[in-house]
Amino acid sequence: MLRKDTNLLGILMGIFLPVIFYGFLFLINLLILSIFDLNFIIKQSTLQLISIFINLFPMRYYFVKLKYEKTGRGILLVMFMYLIFYFLVLYD
């Protein structure tokens, strides 16, 4: 299923991969804080930015390794939309 060259697959991967990765990072962050009772916390904006840039890995895989232009462009489109939204909310 992930070996198709369609814009829809790229868009869906671009949307859901950062959301899943953000949830994973958020849970790890909470777990570390509760176990070690630390006052240091990674800011939410940093977690969001790391989650957005996780799209670089599948985007490069689809562009370079598989030569699937449409899927890579779909991931890139969603990543740009996430980044625009991120900076609009951060610098509001």
C-alpha atoms as a PDB file:
ATOM      1  CA  MET A   1       0.000   0.000   0.000  1.00  0.00           C
ATOM      2  CA  LEU A   2       2.851   2.413   0.716  1.00  0.00           C
ATOM      3  CA  ARG A   3       4.479   1.708  -2.644  1.00  0.00           C
ATOM      4  CA  LYS A   4       2.142   3.875  -4.725  1.00  0.00           C
ATOM      5  CA  ASP A   5       2.978   7.134  -6.453  1.00  0.00           C
ATOM      6  CA  THR A   6      -0.095   9.199  -5.603  1.00  0.00           C
ATOM      7  CA  ASN A   7      -0.574  12.658  -4.168  1.00  0.00           C
ATOM      8  CA  LEU A   8      -3.209  11.366  -1.756  1.00  0.00           C
ATOM      9  CA  LEU A   9      -0.791   8.908  -0.136  1.00  0.00           C
ATOM     10  CA  GLY A  10       1.769  11.675   0.331  1.00  0.00           C
ATOM     11  CA  ILE A  11      -0.789  14.022   1.827  1.00  0.00           C
ATOM     12  CA  LEU A  12      -2.095  11.380   4.228  1.00  0.00           C
ATOM     13  CA  MET A  13       1.419  10.410   5.306  1.00  0.00           C
ATOM     14  CA  GLY A  14       2.330  14.067   5.696  1.00  0.00           C
ATOM     15  CA  ILE A  15      -0.680  14.685   7.926  1.00  0.00           C
ATOM     16  CA  PHE A  16      -0.626  11.626  10.160  1.00  0.00           C
ATOM     17  CA  LEU A  17       3.089  10.971  10.643  1.00  0.00           C
ATOM     18  CA  PRO A  18       3.794  14.238  12.545  1.00  0.00           C
ATOM     19  CA  VAL A  19       0.650  13.820  14.646  1.00  0.00           C
ATOM     20  CA  ILE A  20       1.628  10.309  15.703  1.00  0.00           C
ATOM     21  CA  PHE A  21       5.232  11.324  16.326  1.00  0.00           C
ATOM     22  CA  TYR A  22       4.126  14.351  18.386  1.00  0.00           C
ATOM     23  CA  GLY A  23       1.972  12.118  20.573  1.00  0.00           C
ATOM     24  CA  PHE A  24       4.897   9.756  21.039  1.00  0.00           C
ATOM     25  CA  LEU A  25       7.276  12.587  22.009  1.00  0.00           C
ATOM     26  CA  PHE A  26       4.678  14.112  24.327  1.00  0.00           C
ATOM     27  CA  LEU A  27       4.190  10.830  26.176  1.00  0.00           C
ATOM     28  CA  ILE A  28       7.935  10.270  26.501  1.00  0.00           C
ATOM     29  CA  ASN A  29       8.326  13.811  27.818  1.00  0.00           C
ATOM     30  CA  LEU A  30       5.607  13.260  30.437  1.00  0.00           C
ATOM     31  CA  LEU A  31       7.042   9.882  31.397  1.00  0.00           C
ATOM     32  CA  ILE A  32      10.529  11.274  31.931  1.00  0.00           C
ATOM     33  CA  LEU A  33       9.169  14.160  33.997  1.00  0.00           C
ATOM     34  CA  SER A  34       7.100  11.873  36.213  1.00  0.00           C
ATOM     35  CA  ILE A  35       9.845   9.296  36.763  1.00  0.00           C
ATOM     36  CA  PHE A  36      12.734  11.644  37.486  1.00  0.00           C
ATOM     37  CA  ASP A  37      10.700  14.512  38.975  1.00  0.00           C
ATOM     38  CA  LEU A  38      12.498  17.118  36.898  1.00  0.00           C
ATOM     39  CA  ASN A  39      11.600  20.773  36.552  1.00  0.00           C
ATOM     40  CA  PHE A  40      12.990  20.928  33.034  1.00  0.00           C
ATOM     41  CA  ILE A  41      10.445  20.311  30.314  1.00  0.00           C
ATOM     42  CA  ILE A  42      10.832  20.483  26.584  1.00  0.00           C
ATOM     43  CA  LYS A  43       8.631  23.285  25.321  1.00  0.00           C
ATOM     44  CA  GLN A  44       5.576  22.386  23.277  1.00  0.00           C
ATOM     45  CA  SER A  45       6.789  24.518  20.399  1.00  0.00           C
ATOM     46  CA  THR A  46       9.999  22.484  20.228  1.00  0.00           C
ATOM     47  CA  LEU A  47       8.070  19.215  20.215  1.00  0.00           C
ATOM     48  CA  GLN A  48       5.835  20.531  17.433  1.00  0.00           C
ATOM     49  CA  LEU A  49       8.764  21.614  15.292  1.00  0.00           C
ATOM     50  CA  ILE A  50      10.536  18.264  15.718  1.00  0.00           C
ATOM     51  CA  SER A  51       7.304  16.505  14.774  1.00  0.00           C
ATOM     52  CA  ILE A  52       6.959  18.567  11.613  1.00  0.00           C
ATOM     53  CA  PHE A  53      10.512  17.842  10.497  1.00  0.00           C
ATOM     54  CA  ILE A  54      10.066  14.104  10.906  1.00  0.00           C
ATOM     55  CA  ASN A  55       8.452  14.316   7.442  1.00  0.00           C
ATOM     56  CA  LEU A  56      11.880  14.906   5.917  1.00  0.00           C
ATOM     57  CA  PHE A  57      12.788  11.227   6.221  1.00  0.00           C
ATOM     58  CA  PRO A  58       9.867   9.698   4.301  1.00  0.00           C
ATOM     59  CA  MET A  59       9.945  12.596   1.827  1.00  0.00           C
ATOM     60  CA  ARG A  60      13.590  11.898   0.996  1.00  0.00           C
ATOM     61  CA  TYR A  61      12.888   8.167   0.821  1.00  0.00           C
ATOM     62  CA  TYR A  62      10.116   8.661  -1.725  1.00  0.00           C
ATOM     63  CA  PHE A  63      12.023  11.247  -3.778  1.00  0.00           C
ATOM     64  CA  VAL A  64      15.478   9.645  -3.864  1.00  0.00           C
ATOM     65  CA  LYS A  65      15.130   5.916  -3.253  1.00  0.00           C
ATOM     66  CA  LEU A  66      11.781   5.105  -4.893  1.00  0.00           C
ATOM     67  CA  LYS A  67      11.648   8.015  -7.383  1.00  0.00           C
ATOM     68  CA  TYR A  68       7.962   8.624  -6.523  1.00  0.00           C
ATOM     69  CA  GLU A  69       7.550  12.311  -7.315  1.00  0.00           C
ATOM     70  CA  LYS A  70       3.828  12.622  -6.536  1.00  0.00           C
ATOM     71  CA  THR A  71       4.034  11.029  -3.100  1.00  0.00           C
ATOM     72  CA  GLY A  72       7.088  13.101  -2.184  1.00  0.00           C
ATOM     73  CA  ARG A  73       5.365  16.294  -3.344  1.00  0.00           C
ATOM     74  CA  GLY A  74       2.301  15.453  -1.245  1.00  0.00           C
ATOM     75  CA  ILE A  75       4.453  15.075   1.864  1.00  0.00           C
ATOM     76  CA  LEU A  76       6.291  18.311   1.021  1.00  0.00           C
ATOM     77  CA  LEU A  77       3.008  20.202   0.545  1.00  0.00           C
ATOM     78  CA  VAL A  78       1.677  19.170   3.939  1.00  0.00           C
ATOM     79  CA  MET A  79       5.006  19.926   5.590  1.00  0.00           C
ATOM     80  CA  PHE A  80       4.951  23.474   4.207  1.00  0.00           C
ATOM     81  CA  MET A  81       1.360  23.942   5.398  1.00  0.00           C
ATOM     82  CA  TYR A  82       2.322  22.731   8.879  1.00  0.00           C
ATOM     83  CA  LEU A  83       5.302  25.097   8.951  1.00  0.00           C
ATOM     84  CA  ILE A  84       3.243  28.098   7.840  1.00  0.00           C
ATOM     85  CA  PHE A  85       0.632  27.316  10.488  1.00  0.00           C
ATOM     86  CA  TYR A  86       3.358  26.802  13.112  1.00  0.00           C
ATOM     87  CA  PHE A  87       4.966  30.188  12.482  1.00  0.00           C
ATOM     88  CA  LEU A  88       1.613  31.970  12.268  1.00  0.00           C
ATOM     89  CA  VAL A  89       0.602  30.593  15.675  1.00  0.00           C
ATOM     90  CA  LEU A  90       4.042  31.063  17.245  1.00  0.00           C
ATOM     91  CA  TYR A  91       4.467  34.676  16.149  1.00  0.00           C
ATOM     92  CA  ASP A  92       0.856  35.765  16.521  1.00  0.00           C
END
